[in-house]
């Protein structure tokens, strides 16, 4: 999750956008029986200088005291402003969204200008009282983002890798690094393939700029490791090449092969290599932007799904999450307003389906998928105001019940997304669906929900989940694919990450725009990834008629 902070003045744009990458060394051991599992969070001080705003978090790296995080943060850079930056490192011990219950491994505060000018910016990690964390250090590298550049899509496999495990076979993964300020900077890490000497890794896509700084003749290093759960990954071998070389060697659909060399073994008389890495697919292309799809006529179809289960509390009580206060909208209403106000600008007819689940309807039936205007043949509400009015009327007519089954509503929207997908052959990229799901607690059909999300990941659809109230939302973070690929109950992986979850309580003291920015930040990227996966380009922008 890498939302971009809007910290500049209203009358001017940033000098540039920069990408920040983080590395740490000698982190403290916090776990009694294993190494720490570090994650770094990036914050920037808002323009009023009052609050630190979380920009995003790196991936979690298991059992590692010298992590090189691959997830980068993109932020606007203003030369004329002092932009305060803070990085905090934690040992993650649980799956909760908050970092307050995890072990603190140190922090650093500086200015974005210092990071840009020193590059890399390095220093000791500090305790909360400002004293050094006893030898732990951090480095932050920055690089200007070149928008609209080329992308490279690659797929790798390997044969006859060295076996590093006494029992069983190696668990290999690849690490890709580019040159940066006289050293190597990791820019991508593949998944681990268990128990094989002949792995086939999933395809992945990187920007040419991220891979080699935009210079196709610059060296790129590939390191192959055998993964060990205790963090002591065994080095198998390495090779160095360039993007220009890879492009040349794969022309005409050919496969390029690179011997994987372990320098420590090269002195042995009969040593040839530690296996061979094969580049089986390579395609360089220009990734279209989200706006190109919008300019081409793509519509955003916004649907709201609302939790009417009994755990919300009696709506007649001021303590209920569904209590209608004439002077202050409840959290359900605030979330609908904040997210809907953004999405409605991309929908020409401003008609939004609004669905409920977990309620006992006036006829006595319990439903996990009903129109809150009680018109199943026409569940559309006129504008976000119409959604809110239908919600307030609905809460007076239904009885809160249960259970909290959300898969039916996901499949409901998926059916419309599937219809739009069938029309893509003739209409191109014309419709994308966003489901805003509001719930107060633990999902009771988690396996079916996982299957529904995996199914929807192949459709033009994104799912935003906002947790309302103060319940334990640990399971929700599992659905957000930030820490790995979500899999269905049968083990089938999602084709792409389509879920964004945030607890509303994190934004109670913020403007509604902050909630919208955080939950919608990944949608443009998800839209582009979907149409890229389907190999559907944006339609040309219609010519403007002069009058």
Protein backbone atom coordinates (compact mmCIF):
# COMPACT_ATOMS: atom_id res chain seq x y z
CA UNK A 1 0.00 0.00 0.00
CA UNK A 2 1.80 3.02 -1.21
CA UNK A 3 -0.55 6.03 -1.28
CA UNK A 4 1.13 9.23 -2.40
CA UNK A 5 0.88 12.14 0.02
CA UNK A 6 -0.38 15.43 -1.33
CA UNK A 7 1.89 17.77 0.58
CA UNK A 8 2.40 20.55 -1.92
CA UNK A 9 0.77 23.90 -2.40
CA UNK A 10 -2.45 24.16 -4.32
CA UNK A 11 -0.99 26.56 -6.87
CA UNK A 12 2.03 24.53 -7.96
CA UNK A 13 3.11 20.97 -8.60
CA UNK A 14 6.06 19.07 -7.20
CA UNK A 15 9.53 19.38 -8.69
CA UNK A 16 9.45 15.63 -9.19
CA UNK A 17 8.31 12.33 -7.78
CA UNK A 18 10.90 10.20 -6.06
CA UNK A 19 10.99 6.54 -5.18
CA UNK A 20 12.39 5.57 -1.76
CA UNK A 21 13.86 2.14 -0.91
CA UNK A 22 14.93 1.00 2.54
CA UNK A 23 17.66 -1.32 3.83
CA UNK A 24 18.64 -2.09 7.43
CA UNK A 25 21.59 -3.79 9.07
CA UNK A 26 22.18 -5.42 12.45
CA UNK A 27 18.59 -5.21 13.67
CA UNK A 28 18.06 -6.27 17.26
CA UNK A 29 16.86 -9.78 18.10
CA UNK A 30 13.45 -9.55 19.75
CA UNK A 31 12.23 -13.13 19.39
CA UNK A 32 13.53 -15.68 21.89
CA UNK A 33 13.79 -18.64 19.52
CA UNK A 34 14.27 -17.01 16.11
CA UNK A 35 15.43 -13.89 14.35
CA UNK A 36 13.18 -10.86 13.99
CA UNK A 37 10.59 -10.54 11.22
CA UNK A 38 11.11 -6.89 10.19
CA UNK A 39 8.82 -4.48 8.40
CA UNK A 40 9.47 -0.75 7.88
CA UNK A 41 6.78 1.95 7.89
CA UNK A 42 7.29 5.32 6.18
CA UNK A 43 5.65 8.48 7.53
CA UNK A 44 5.62 12.10 6.38
CA UNK A 45 4.67 15.12 8.46
CA UNK A 46 1.62 16.88 7.09
CA UNK A 47 1.87 20.46 5.83
CA UNK A 48 0.53 21.85 9.08
CA UNK A 49 3.38 20.15 10.91
CA UNK A 50 0.95 18.52 13.33
CA UNK A 51 0.54 14.84 12.44
CA UNK A 52 2.64 12.07 10.98
CA UNK A 53 0.79 10.45 8.08
CA UNK A 54 1.62 6.86 7.22
CA UNK A 55 2.56 6.58 3.55
CA UNK A 56 2.93 2.83 3.51
CA UNK A 57 4.81 -0.22 4.71
CA UNK A 58 7.39 -2.51 3.20
CA UNK A 59 6.86 -6.20 2.87
CA UNK A 60 7.53 -8.44 5.85
CA UNK A 61 10.84 -10.34 5.68
CA UNK A 62 10.98 -13.44 7.86
CA UNK A 63 13.93 -14.21 10.14
CA UNK A 64 16.29 -11.48 8.98
CA UNK A 65 18.44 -8.92 10.79
CA UNK A 66 19.81 -7.32 7.58
CA UNK A 67 16.69 -6.80 5.44
CA UNK A 68 16.75 -5.34 1.95
CA UNK A 69 13.14 -4.41 1.31
CA UNK A 70 11.96 -4.52 -2.31
CA UNK A 71 8.74 -2.53 -1.86
CA UNK A 72 9.36 1.11 -2.76
CA UNK A 73 7.48 4.27 -1.78
CA UNK A 74 6.66 7.04 -4.25
CA UNK A 75 6.30 10.54 -2.87
CA UNK A 76 6.09 14.06 -4.27
CA UNK A 77 9.28 16.07 -3.84
CA UNK A 78 9.11 19.86 -3.37
CA UNK A 79 12.46 21.62 -3.48
CA UNK A 80 11.05 24.71 -1.74
CA UNK A 81 9.58 22.83 1.25
CA UNK A 82 11.07 21.12 4.27
CA UNK A 83 9.43 17.70 4.05
CA UNK A 84 9.87 15.74 7.25
CA UNK A 85 10.27 11.98 6.85
CA UNK A 86 10.20 9.26 9.51
CA UNK A 87 10.87 5.55 9.14
CA UNK A 88 10.01 3.12 11.95
CA UNK A 89 11.09 -0.51 11.88
CA UNK A 90 9.15 -3.23 13.71
CA UNK A 91 9.40 -6.93 14.37
CA UNK A 92 5.94 -8.14 13.37
CA UNK A 93 4.62 -10.67 15.86
CA UNK A 94 0.97 -10.84 14.79
CA UNK A 95 -1.39 -10.04 11.91
CA UNK A 96 -3.14 -6.99 13.35
CA UNK A 97 -3.15 -3.81 11.26
CA UNK A 98 -1.66 -1.68 14.02
CA UNK A 99 2.07 -1.60 14.75
CA UNK A 100 1.65 -0.59 18.38
CA UNK A 101 1.51 -4.21 19.56
CA UNK A 102 4.68 -5.22 17.67
CA UNK A 103 8.28 -4.98 18.89
CA UNK A 104 9.93 -1.65 18.04
CA UNK A 105 13.33 -2.05 16.33
CA UNK A 106 14.22 1.60 15.83
CA UNK A 107 13.43 4.78 13.93
CA UNK A 108 15.07 7.57 11.98
CA UNK A 109 13.83 11.08 11.24
CA UNK A 110 15.22 13.35 8.55
CA UNK A 111 14.17 15.61 5.69
CA UNK A 112 13.36 14.41 2.18
CA UNK A 113 15.91 16.93 0.92
CA UNK A 114 18.63 15.15 2.92
CA UNK A 115 17.64 11.79 1.43
CA UNK A 116 17.73 13.20 -2.10
CA UNK A 117 21.03 15.04 -1.69
CA UNK A 118 23.03 12.33 0.09
CA UNK A 119 21.66 9.23 -1.62
CA UNK A 120 21.94 6.92 0.08
CA UNK A 121 21.02 8.58 3.33
CA UNK A 122 22.40 6.39 6.12
CA UNK A 123 22.38 6.62 9.87
CA UNK A 124 21.84 4.76 13.14
CA UNK A 125 18.40 3.55 14.10
CA UNK A 126 17.27 5.28 17.28
CA UNK A 127 15.21 4.22 20.25
CA UNK A 128 12.01 6.10 21.05
CA UNK A 129 14.00 8.29 23.46
CA UNK A 130 16.40 9.29 20.66
CA UNK A 131 19.36 7.21 21.82
CA UNK A 132 21.10 4.81 19.37
CA UNK A 133 19.64 1.32 19.08
CA UNK A 134 23.06 -0.25 19.69
CA UNK A 135 24.58 -0.74 16.25
CA UNK A 136 21.42 -1.01 14.13
CA UNK A 137 21.59 1.14 10.98
CA UNK A 138 19.31 2.14 8.13
CA UNK A 139 19.89 3.33 4.57
CA UNK A 140 17.32 5.09 2.40
CA UNK A 141 17.95 5.39 -1.33
CA UNK A 142 16.06 7.77 -3.57
CA UNK A 143 15.56 7.87 -7.30
CA UNK A 144 13.53 10.14 -9.51
CA UNK A 145 10.49 8.46 -11.00
CA UNK A 146 10.28 8.66 -14.77
CA UNK A 147 6.57 8.49 -15.51
CA UNK A 148 5.28 6.86 -18.66
CA UNK A 149 8.39 4.76 -19.27
CA UNK A 150 8.79 1.27 -20.62
CA UNK A 151 7.91 -1.89 -18.71
CA UNK A 152 9.54 -5.31 -18.97
CA UNK A 153 7.59 -8.54 -18.49
CA UNK A 154 9.73 -11.60 -17.71
CA UNK A 155 9.42 -15.25 -16.81
CA UNK A 156 12.29 -17.35 -15.48
CA UNK A 157 12.88 -21.02 -14.80
CA UNK A 158 15.96 -23.03 -13.86
CA UNK A 159 17.36 -26.52 -14.36
CA UNK A 160 19.77 -28.67 -12.38
CA UNK A 161 20.32 -26.24 -9.51
CA UNK A 162 22.66 -27.35 -6.74
CA UNK A 163 20.91 -29.19 -3.94
CA UNK A 164 21.52 -27.35 -0.66
CA UNK A 165 19.27 -29.43 1.59
CA UNK A 166 20.39 -32.65 3.27
CA UNK A 167 16.83 -33.95 3.44
CA UNK A 168 14.83 -33.14 0.33
CA UNK A 169 15.68 -30.67 -2.41
CA UNK A 170 16.38 -26.95 -2.50
CA UNK A 171 13.65 -24.30 -2.18
CA UNK A 172 14.96 -21.79 -4.76
CA UNK A 173 14.14 -18.15 -5.35
CA UNK A 174 15.70 -15.37 -7.46
CA UNK A 175 16.82 -11.94 -6.30
CA UNK A 176 17.31 -9.22 -8.93
CA UNK A 177 19.55 -6.21 -8.24
CA UNK A 178 20.60 -3.10 -10.11
CA UNK A 179 23.64 -0.90 -9.63
CA UNK A 180 23.05 2.03 -7.29
CA UNK A 181 25.73 4.38 -5.93
CA UNK A 182 28.53 1.86 -6.21
CA UNK A 183 26.63 -1.07 -4.72
CA UNK A 184 23.79 -3.42 -5.61
CA UNK A 185 20.19 -2.61 -4.75
CA UNK A 186 17.57 -5.38 -4.70
CA UNK A 187 14.59 -4.44 -6.86
CA UNK A 188 12.68 -7.72 -7.06
CA UNK A 189 12.47 -11.03 -5.25
CA UNK A 190 10.55 -13.94 -6.74
CA UNK A 191 8.43 -16.34 -4.77
CA UNK A 192 10.01 -19.48 -3.28
CA UNK A 193 9.40 -22.75 -5.14
CA UNK A 194 9.47 -25.58 -2.64
CA UNK A 195 11.50 -28.80 -2.95
CA UNK A 196 12.76 -28.67 -6.53
CA UNK A 197 15.99 -28.24 -8.48
CA UNK A 198 14.04 -27.26 -11.61
CA UNK A 199 11.81 -24.36 -10.54
CA UNK A 200 9.45 -22.37 -12.74
CA UNK A 201 8.78 -18.95 -11.22
CA UNK A 202 5.67 -16.86 -11.85
CA UNK A 203 5.98 -14.12 -14.50
CA UNK A 204 6.48 -10.59 -13.17
CA UNK A 205 6.63 -7.07 -14.52
CA UNK A 206 9.01 -4.26 -13.57
CA UNK A 207 9.59 -0.83 -15.01
CA UNK A 208 12.74 -0.56 -17.11
CA UNK A 209 13.66 2.38 -14.91
CA UNK A 210 13.41 0.31 -11.72
CA UNK A 211 15.37 -2.55 -13.26
CA UNK A 212 18.31 -0.67 -14.71
CA UNK A 213 17.71 3.05 -14.31
CA UNK A 214 16.41 3.22 -17.86
CA UNK A 215 19.82 2.24 -19.28
CA UNK A 216 19.44 -1.09 -21.05
CA UNK A 217 23.23 -1.51 -21.17
CA UNK A 218 23.61 -1.26 -17.39
CA UNK A 219 24.51 -4.48 -15.54
CA UNK A 220 21.74 -6.37 -13.75
CA UNK A 221 22.60 -9.07 -11.22
CA UNK A 222 20.61 -12.23 -10.63
CA UNK A 223 21.28 -14.20 -7.44
CA UNK A 224 19.73 -17.59 -6.79
CA UNK A 225 19.22 -18.78 -3.19
CA UNK A 226 17.87 -21.80 -1.37
CA UNK A 227 15.30 -20.50 1.11
CA UNK A 228 15.60 -21.55 4.74
CA UNK A 229 12.88 -20.71 7.25
CA UNK A 230 15.43 -19.53 9.83
CA UNK A 231 16.67 -16.80 7.47
CA UNK A 232 20.03 -18.44 6.70
CA UNK A 233 19.36 -18.72 2.97
CA UNK A 234 22.02 -20.71 1.13
CA UNK A 235 23.65 -19.06 -1.88
CA UNK A 236 23.35 -21.22 -5.01
CA UNK A 237 24.85 -19.00 -7.70
CA UNK A 238 24.74 -15.77 -9.66
CA UNK A 239 25.02 -14.27 -13.10
CA UNK A 240 25.17 -10.74 -14.48
CA UNK A 241 23.72 -9.52 -17.75
CA UNK A 242 21.99 -6.49 -19.26
CA UNK A 243 18.48 -5.86 -20.44
CA UNK A 244 19.85 -5.22 -23.93
CA UNK A 245 21.47 -8.67 -23.90
CA UNK A 246 18.30 -10.35 -22.66
CA UNK A 247 16.25 -8.56 -25.28
CA UNK A 248 18.65 -9.58 -28.05
CA UNK A 249 18.82 -13.22 -26.95
CA UNK A 250 15.04 -13.67 -26.80
CA UNK A 251 14.17 -12.16 -30.20
CA UNK A 252 11.79 -14.30 -32.20
CA UNK A 253 10.47 -15.97 -29.06
CA UNK A 254 13.77 -17.74 -28.31
CA UNK A 255 14.79 -18.78 -24.82
CA UNK A 256 17.94 -17.29 -23.24
CA UNK A 257 20.02 -19.36 -20.84
CA UNK A 258 22.54 -18.16 -18.25
CA UNK A 259 24.87 -20.40 -16.23
CA UNK A 260 24.41 -19.83 -12.50
CA UNK A 261 27.92 -19.56 -11.01
CA UNK A 262 29.07 -19.91 -7.42
CA UNK A 263 32.48 -18.13 -7.34
CA UNK A 264 33.65 -20.22 -4.38
CA UNK A 265 33.34 -23.37 -6.49
CA UNK A 266 35.03 -22.06 -9.63
CA UNK A 267 38.47 -23.22 -8.44
CA UNK A 268 37.30 -26.84 -8.49
CA UNK A 269 38.61 -28.68 -11.54
CA UNK A 270 35.36 -30.18 -12.85
CA UNK A 271 33.06 -27.36 -11.80
CA UNK A 272 30.92 -25.95 -14.62
CA UNK A 273 28.01 -24.25 -12.93
CA UNK A 274 25.45 -24.56 -10.14
CA UNK A 275 22.58 -24.85 -12.56
CA UNK A 276 21.23 -22.89 -15.49
CA UNK A 277 18.70 -20.01 -15.32
CA UNK A 278 16.38 -19.78 -18.32
CA UNK A 279 14.64 -16.61 -19.46
CA UNK A 280 11.57 -18.10 -21.14
CA UNK A 281 9.57 -14.92 -21.74
CA UNK A 282 10.57 -11.29 -22.22
CA UNK A 283 8.43 -8.46 -23.50
CA UNK A 284 9.20 -4.76 -23.33
CA UNK A 285 6.22 -2.47 -23.66
CA UNK A 286 4.83 0.87 -22.61
CA UNK A 287 2.30 0.52 -19.82
CA UNK A 288 -0.73 2.74 -20.39
CA UNK A 289 -1.82 4.96 -17.55
CA UNK A 290 -5.10 4.84 -15.66
CA UNK A 291 -6.09 8.16 -17.23
CA UNK A 292 -5.65 6.75 -20.72
CA UNK A 293 -8.38 4.21 -19.92
CA UNK A 294 -10.58 6.96 -18.47
CA UNK A 295 -10.01 9.15 -21.54
CA UNK A 296 -10.94 6.16 -23.68
CA UNK A 297 -14.39 6.02 -22.09
CA UNK A 298 -13.95 3.45 -19.32
CA UNK A 299 -16.63 3.82 -16.63
CA UNK A 300 -16.23 3.10 -12.92
CA UNK A 301 -19.26 1.22 -11.59
CA UNK A 302 -19.57 1.73 -7.83
CA UNK A 303 -21.54 -0.65 -5.59
CA UNK A 304 -22.03 -0.47 -1.82
CA UNK A 305 -22.45 -3.53 0.42
CA UNK A 306 -23.60 -2.88 4.02
CA UNK A 307 -23.43 -5.15 7.08
CA UNK A 308 -26.80 -5.43 8.87
CA UNK A 309 -25.79 -8.13 11.37
CA UNK A 310 -26.79 -8.07 15.03
CA UNK A 311 -23.27 -7.36 16.29
CA UNK A 312 -23.75 -3.74 15.17
CA UNK A 313 -26.09 -3.18 18.13
CA UNK A 314 -29.71 -2.08 18.31
CA UNK A 315 -30.11 0.86 15.87
CA UNK A 316 -32.33 2.67 18.39
CA UNK A 317 -29.41 2.83 20.85
CA UNK A 318 -26.87 5.68 20.56
CA UNK A 319 -24.15 3.03 21.06
CA UNK A 320 -25.15 1.18 17.88
CA UNK A 321 -22.96 1.50 14.81
CA UNK A 322 -26.23 1.94 12.85
CA UNK A 323 -27.65 4.65 15.10
CA UNK A 324 -28.98 7.55 13.02
CA UNK A 325 -27.92 10.76 14.72
CA UNK A 326 -29.54 13.79 13.03
CA UNK A 327 -26.47 15.89 13.84
CA UNK A 328 -23.60 13.50 13.09
CA UNK A 329 -23.48 10.76 10.41
CA UNK A 330 -22.45 7.34 11.72
CA UNK A 331 -19.32 5.57 10.50
CA UNK A 332 -21.19 3.65 7.79
CA UNK A 333 -22.53 6.90 6.36
CA UNK A 334 -19.17 8.67 6.61
CA UNK A 335 -17.39 5.87 4.73
CA UNK A 336 -20.04 5.73 1.98
CA UNK A 337 -19.83 9.50 1.54
CA UNK A 338 -16.02 9.66 1.50
CA UNK A 339 -15.41 6.85 -1.00
CA UNK A 340 -18.53 7.47 -3.06
CA UNK A 341 -17.73 11.14 -3.59
CA UNK A 342 -14.57 10.11 -5.44
CA UNK A 343 -16.00 7.21 -7.43
CA UNK A 344 -19.12 9.03 -8.62
CA UNK A 345 -17.02 11.40 -10.74
CA UNK A 346 -16.15 8.45 -13.04
CA UNK A 347 -19.72 7.22 -13.52
CA UNK A 348 -21.83 9.17 -16.00
CA UNK A 349 -25.33 8.06 -14.88
CA UNK A 350 -24.60 8.41 -11.11
CA UNK A 351 -26.82 5.41 -10.35
CA UNK A 352 -25.32 3.13 -7.70
CA UNK A 353 -26.52 -0.30 -6.56
CA UNK A 354 -26.68 -0.53 -2.76
CA UNK A 355 -26.94 -3.98 -1.18
CA UNK A 356 -27.26 -5.29 2.36
CA UNK A 357 -26.45 -8.56 4.06
CA UNK A 358 -27.16 -10.26 7.39
CA UNK A 359 -30.62 -8.77 8.00
CA UNK A 360 -34.07 -10.18 8.66
CA UNK A 361 -36.31 -8.51 6.07
CA UNK A 362 -39.87 -7.29 6.67
CA UNK A 363 -41.26 -10.57 5.31
CA UNK A 364 -39.31 -12.54 7.93
CA UNK A 365 -36.64 -14.01 5.64
CA UNK A 366 -32.95 -13.65 6.48
CA UNK A 367 -30.93 -12.41 3.50
CA UNK A 368 -27.23 -12.21 2.68
CA UNK A 369 -27.89 -10.24 -0.51
CA UNK A 370 -30.76 -7.78 -0.75
CA UNK A 371 -31.37 -4.33 -2.26
CA UNK A 372 -31.57 -1.79 0.53
CA UNK A 373 -34.29 0.06 -1.44
CA UNK A 374 -36.23 -3.28 -1.44
CA UNK A 375 -36.49 -3.25 -5.23
CA UNK A 376 -34.46 -6.29 -6.38
CA UNK A 377 -35.12 -5.57 -10.06
CA UNK A 378 -33.81 -2.03 -9.69
CA UNK A 379 -31.40 -1.72 -6.72
CA UNK A 380 -29.95 1.55 -8.04
CA UNK A 381 -29.88 4.72 -5.97
CA UNK A 382 -29.60 8.19 -7.49
CA UNK A 383 -26.21 9.54 -6.45
CA UNK A 384 -24.41 9.03 -3.16
CA UNK A 385 -27.16 11.08 -1.51
CA UNK A 386 -29.66 8.50 -2.74
CA UNK A 387 -27.58 5.68 -1.25
CA UNK A 388 -27.55 7.41 2.13
CA UNK A 389 -31.30 8.04 2.07
CA UNK A 390 -32.00 4.41 1.13
CA UNK A 391 -29.71 3.27 3.95
CA UNK A 392 -31.48 5.43 6.55
CA UNK A 393 -34.88 4.16 5.41
CA UNK A 394 -33.69 0.54 5.36
CA UNK A 395 -32.37 0.58 8.91
CA UNK A 396 -35.89 1.43 10.09
CA UNK A 397 -37.44 -1.58 8.33
CA UNK A 398 -35.06 -4.50 8.88
CA UNK A 399 -34.04 -6.43 11.99
CA UNK A 400 -30.32 -6.89 12.46
CA UNK A 401 -29.51 -10.58 12.34
CA UNK A 402 -26.63 -12.61 10.89
CA UNK A 403 -24.31 -14.32 10.14
CA UNK A 404 -21.63 -12.11 8.52
CA UNK A 405 -21.51 -13.84 5.13
CA UNK A 406 -20.03 -11.56 2.46
CA UNK A 407 -19.30 -13.97 -0.41
CA UNK A 408 -22.83 -13.60 -1.92
CA UNK A 409 -22.41 -9.85 -2.44
CA UNK A 410 -18.93 -10.30 -3.95
CA UNK A 411 -20.37 -12.84 -6.41
CA UNK A 412 -23.30 -10.47 -7.10
CA UNK A 413 -20.96 -7.74 -8.35
CA UNK A 414 -18.72 -10.31 -10.03
CA UNK A 415 -21.63 -11.41 -12.24
CA UNK A 416 -21.88 -7.89 -13.67
CA UNK A 417 -18.10 -7.69 -14.04
CA UNK A 418 -18.19 -11.02 -15.87
CA UNK A 419 -20.77 -9.63 -18.30
CA UNK A 420 -18.54 -6.61 -18.93
CA UNK A 421 -15.62 -8.96 -19.53
CA UNK A 422 -17.59 -10.82 -22.20
CA UNK A 423 -18.20 -7.51 -23.98
CA UNK A 424 -14.52 -6.52 -23.97
CA UNK A 425 -14.00 -8.14 -27.36
CA UNK A 426 -16.24 -5.57 -29.03
CA UNK A 427 -16.20 -2.63 -26.60
CA UNK A 428 -12.65 -2.80 -25.24
CA UNK A 429 -11.95 -1.38 -21.78
CA UNK A 430 -15.38 0.07 -21.08
CA UNK A 431 -16.42 -0.91 -17.54
CA UNK A 432 -14.64 -1.56 -14.23
CA UNK A 433 -16.41 -2.38 -10.95
CA UNK A 434 -15.60 -1.26 -7.40
CA UNK A 435 -17.38 -2.89 -4.45
CA UNK A 436 -17.22 -0.95 -1.18
CA UNK A 437 -17.93 -3.50 1.56
CA UNK A 438 -18.66 -2.12 5.04
CA UNK A 439 -18.64 -4.54 7.96
CA UNK A 440 -18.30 -4.40 11.73
CA UNK A 441 -16.64 -7.72 12.51
CA UNK A 442 -15.34 -11.14 11.72
CA UNK A 443 -16.41 -12.69 8.41
CA UNK A 444 -18.14 -16.02 9.07
CA UNK A 445 -17.82 -17.46 5.55
CA UNK A 446 -14.06 -16.83 5.20
CA UNK A 447 -13.33 -19.84 2.96
CA UNK A 448 -16.13 -18.89 0.55
CA UNK A 449 -15.03 -15.26 0.68
CA UNK A 450 -11.48 -16.26 -0.28
CA UNK A 451 -12.84 -18.30 -3.19
CA UNK A 452 -15.02 -15.35 -4.28
CA UNK A 453 -12.05 -12.95 -4.23
CA UNK A 454 -9.87 -15.39 -6.20
CA UNK A 455 -12.68 -15.69 -8.75
CA UNK A 456 -13.12 -11.90 -8.94
CA UNK A 457 -9.35 -11.36 -9.37
CA UNK A 458 -9.72 -12.40 -13.01
CA UNK A 459 -12.52 -9.89 -13.62
CA UNK A 460 -12.60 -6.08 -14.03
CA UNK A 461 -13.27 -5.59 -10.32
CA UNK A 462 -11.72 -4.26 -7.10
CA UNK A 463 -12.90 -4.82 -3.53
CA UNK A 464 -12.57 -2.19 -0.80
CA UNK A 465 -13.33 -3.33 2.75
CA UNK A 466 -13.81 -0.76 5.49
CA UNK A 467 -13.97 -2.13 9.03
CA UNK A 468 -16.47 -0.14 11.10
CA UNK A 469 -16.27 -0.04 14.90
CA UNK A 470 -13.64 -1.42 17.25
CA UNK A 471 -13.77 -5.16 16.52
CA UNK A 472 -10.73 -7.38 15.93
CA UNK A 473 -10.11 -7.17 12.18
CA UNK A 474 -7.08 -9.48 12.11
CA UNK A 475 -8.63 -11.79 9.51
CA UNK A 476 -9.29 -8.87 7.18
CA UNK A 477 -5.57 -8.25 6.74
CA UNK A 478 -5.30 -11.81 5.49
CA UNK A 479 -7.57 -10.92 2.55
CA UNK A 480 -5.39 -7.96 1.55
CA UNK A 481 -2.67 -9.44 -0.66
CA UNK A 482 0.06 -7.07 0.52
CA UNK A 483 1.88 -9.82 2.45
CA UNK A 484 1.63 -12.50 -0.21
CA UNK A 485 -0.68 -13.95 -2.85
CA UNK A 486 -4.17 -14.71 -1.52
CA UNK A 487 -5.26 -18.29 -2.17
CA UNK A 488 -8.71 -19.79 -2.21
CA UNK A 489 -9.80 -22.57 0.11
CA UNK A 490 -8.73 -25.06 -2.57
CA UNK A 491 -5.25 -23.51 -2.88
CA UNK A 492 -5.94 -21.67 -6.15
CA UNK A 493 -4.05 -18.32 -6.13
CA UNK A 494 -5.56 -14.95 -7.00
CA UNK A 495 -4.50 -13.67 -10.41
CA UNK A 496 -3.86 -10.21 -8.95
CA UNK A 497 -4.34 -8.28 -5.72
CA UNK A 498 -7.79 -6.66 -5.78
CA UNK A 499 -8.48 -6.13 -2.06
CA UNK A 500 -7.77 -3.07 0.06
CA UNK A 501 -8.75 -3.13 3.74
CA UNK A 502 -8.66 -0.27 6.25
CA UNK A 503 -10.24 0.05 9.70
CA UNK A 504 -12.34 3.22 9.91
CA UNK A 505 -11.06 3.89 13.43
CA UNK A 506 -7.66 4.83 11.98
CA UNK A 507 -9.32 7.86 10.31
CA UNK A 508 -11.78 9.06 12.96
CA UNK A 509 -9.63 12.12 13.62
CA UNK A 510 -8.86 12.76 9.93
CA UNK A 511 -10.70 14.46 7.13
CA UNK A 512 -12.89 12.17 5.02
CA UNK A 513 -10.53 12.74 2.10
CA UNK A 514 -7.81 10.87 4.02
CA UNK A 515 -9.98 7.76 4.25
CA UNK A 516 -10.82 7.96 0.54
CA UNK A 517 -7.17 8.47 -0.40
CA UNK A 518 -6.06 5.41 1.55
CA UNK A 519 -8.75 3.01 0.36
CA UNK A 520 -8.68 4.13 -3.28
CA UNK A 521 -4.92 4.56 -3.69
CA UNK A 522 -4.39 1.15 -5.30
CA UNK A 523 -7.42 1.21 -7.63
CA UNK A 524 -5.74 2.95 -10.62
CA UNK A 525 -2.92 0.41 -10.54
CA UNK A 526 -5.39 -2.47 -10.22
CA UNK A 527 -7.31 -1.18 -13.26
CA UNK A 528 -4.14 -1.01 -15.36
CA UNK A 529 -3.00 -4.46 -14.18
CA UNK A 530 -6.33 -5.99 -15.11
CA UNK A 531 -6.38 -4.69 -18.68
CA UNK A 532 -2.70 -5.47 -19.05
CA UNK A 533 -3.43 -9.06 -17.97
CA UNK A 534 -6.19 -9.22 -20.58
CA UNK A 535 -3.97 -7.54 -23.21
CA UNK A 536 -6.61 -4.85 -23.78
CA UNK A 537 -5.25 -1.38 -24.60
CA UNK A 538 -7.16 1.81 -23.83
CA UNK A 539 -9.37 3.06 -26.60
CA UNK A 540 -8.16 6.22 -28.38
CA UNK A 541 -9.42 9.38 -26.80
CA UNK A 542 -12.43 10.71 -28.73
CA UNK A 543 -11.66 13.74 -30.86
CA UNK A 544 -12.84 17.02 -29.38
CA UNK A 545 -15.53 18.81 -31.37
CA UNK A 546 -14.82 22.49 -31.87
CA UNK A 547 -17.65 24.97 -31.68
